[in-house]
Amino acid sequence: MLNIARCSALDETKKTNGSALPAEFLPAHAPETVGGVNTLFDECGLKQAVQKLSEAEKQLIELCYYGGMSHEQITNKLGIPLTNVKPRLRSALSELRTLL
């Protein structure tokens, strides 16, 4: 549910101004982060699982979910075809699921 709300908010914001979330969508008090990773996620082993992914998979996960980049933005940054981003990301998420 949280991911759906996050994605909807990002989509709406990108339609209006094409950049980061407005202040009203940001949490009042964000969870503590260490090294750019939310400690709540670290408790469930997400950080360690992401570190076990291949470099390409790790980069896609970081850009999409931590960086909030769209598939098109990832395409431009990495120089890979748009038709390859979604399957590679899906594969990375599948691998991450098996690690968790």
Protein backbone atom coordinates (compact mmCIF):
# COMPACT_ATOMS: atom_id res chain seq x y z
CA MET A 1 0.00 0.00 0.00
CA LEU A 2 2.76 2.39 0.97
CA ASN A 3 4.54 1.78 -2.34
CA ILE A 4 1.33 2.46 -4.29
CA ALA A 5 0.83 5.74 -2.44
CA ARG A 6 4.47 6.70 -2.98
CA CYS A 7 4.32 5.94 -6.69
CA SER A 8 1.04 7.81 -7.11
CA ALA A 9 2.46 10.85 -5.33
CA LEU A 10 5.61 10.74 -7.48
CA ASP A 11 3.58 10.42 -10.67
CA GLU A 12 1.33 13.35 -9.73
CA THR A 13 4.31 15.51 -8.82
CA LYS A 14 6.16 14.68 -12.02
CA LYS A 15 3.07 15.70 -14.02
CA THR A 16 2.96 19.11 -12.36
CA ASN A 17 6.59 20.12 -11.95
CA GLY A 18 8.70 17.14 -13.02
CA SER A 19 10.83 16.93 -9.90
CA ALA A 20 10.88 16.02 -6.21
CA LEU A 21 7.91 15.66 -3.91
CA PRO A 22 6.37 18.78 -2.38
CA ALA A 23 6.72 19.26 1.38
CA GLU A 24 3.18 18.05 2.17
CA PHE A 25 4.08 14.56 0.86
CA LEU A 26 7.19 14.25 2.98
CA PRO A 27 6.94 12.61 6.42
CA ALA A 28 6.87 14.97 9.40
CA HIS A 29 9.69 13.08 11.06
CA ALA A 30 11.56 10.79 8.75
CA PRO A 31 13.06 7.58 10.10
CA GLU A 32 16.74 7.68 10.87
CA THR A 33 18.97 6.93 7.91
CA VAL A 34 22.48 5.55 7.97
CA GLY A 35 24.50 5.69 4.79
CA GLY A 36 21.40 6.68 2.83
CA VAL A 37 19.46 3.59 3.96
CA ASN A 38 16.43 3.81 6.22
CA THR A 39 17.19 1.93 9.45
CA LEU A 40 13.69 0.42 9.43
CA PHE A 41 14.53 -1.37 6.17
CA ASP A 42 17.94 -2.28 7.52
CA GLU A 43 16.28 -4.15 10.39
CA CYS A 44 14.57 -6.55 7.98
CA GLY A 45 17.86 -7.25 6.16
CA LEU A 46 17.09 -5.28 3.02
CA LYS A 47 20.44 -3.51 2.96
CA GLN A 48 22.35 -6.79 3.16
CA ALA A 49 20.13 -8.39 0.51
CA VAL A 50 20.66 -5.48 -1.91
CA GLN A 51 24.42 -5.76 -1.38
CA LYS A 52 24.27 -9.40 -2.55
CA LEU A 53 22.79 -8.45 -5.93
CA SER A 54 24.97 -8.05 -9.00
CA GLU A 55 26.27 -4.54 -9.64
CA ALA A 56 23.82 -4.01 -12.51
CA GLU A 57 20.84 -5.17 -10.42
CA LYS A 58 21.96 -3.11 -7.43
CA GLN A 59 22.31 -0.01 -9.60
CA LEU A 60 18.79 -0.40 -11.03
CA ILE A 61 17.23 -0.89 -7.57
CA GLU A 62 19.09 2.12 -6.17
CA LEU A 63 18.16 4.42 -9.06
CA CYS A 64 14.50 3.39 -9.18
CA TYR A 65 13.58 2.90 -5.53
CA TYR A 66 16.12 4.95 -3.58
CA GLY A 67 16.64 7.61 -6.24
CA GLY A 68 13.00 7.81 -7.34
CA MET A 69 13.95 7.85 -11.01
CA SER A 70 11.50 6.84 -13.74
CA HIS A 71 12.35 4.11 -16.23
CA GLU A 72 12.99 6.76 -18.88
CA GLN A 73 15.39 8.63 -16.58
CA ILE A 74 17.22 5.37 -15.84
CA THR A 75 17.47 4.74 -19.59
CA ASN A 76 19.06 8.14 -20.13
CA LYS A 77 21.45 7.76 -17.20
CA LEU A 78 22.63 4.22 -17.97
CA GLY A 79 22.40 4.35 -21.75
CA ILE A 80 20.37 1.14 -22.04
CA PRO A 81 17.18 0.73 -24.08
CA LEU A 82 13.91 1.50 -22.32
CA THR A 83 12.62 -1.94 -23.32
CA ASN A 84 15.43 -3.48 -21.22
CA VAL A 85 14.93 -1.44 -18.06
CA LYS A 86 11.62 -2.95 -16.94
CA PRO A 87 12.60 -6.63 -17.43
CA ARG A 88 15.97 -6.08 -15.76
CA LEU A 89 14.31 -4.31 -12.84
CA ARG A 90 11.74 -7.10 -12.55
CA SER A 91 14.55 -9.65 -12.53
CA ALA A 92 16.41 -7.69 -9.84
CA LEU A 93 13.28 -7.53 -7.68
CA SER A 94 12.74 -11.26 -8.13
CA GLU A 95 16.30 -11.96 -7.04
CA LEU A 96 15.86 -9.63 -4.07
CA ARG A 97 12.71 -11.52 -3.04
CA THR A 98 14.60 -14.80 -3.02
CA LEU A 99 17.34 -13.26 -0.86
CA LEU A 100 14.81 -11.99 1.68
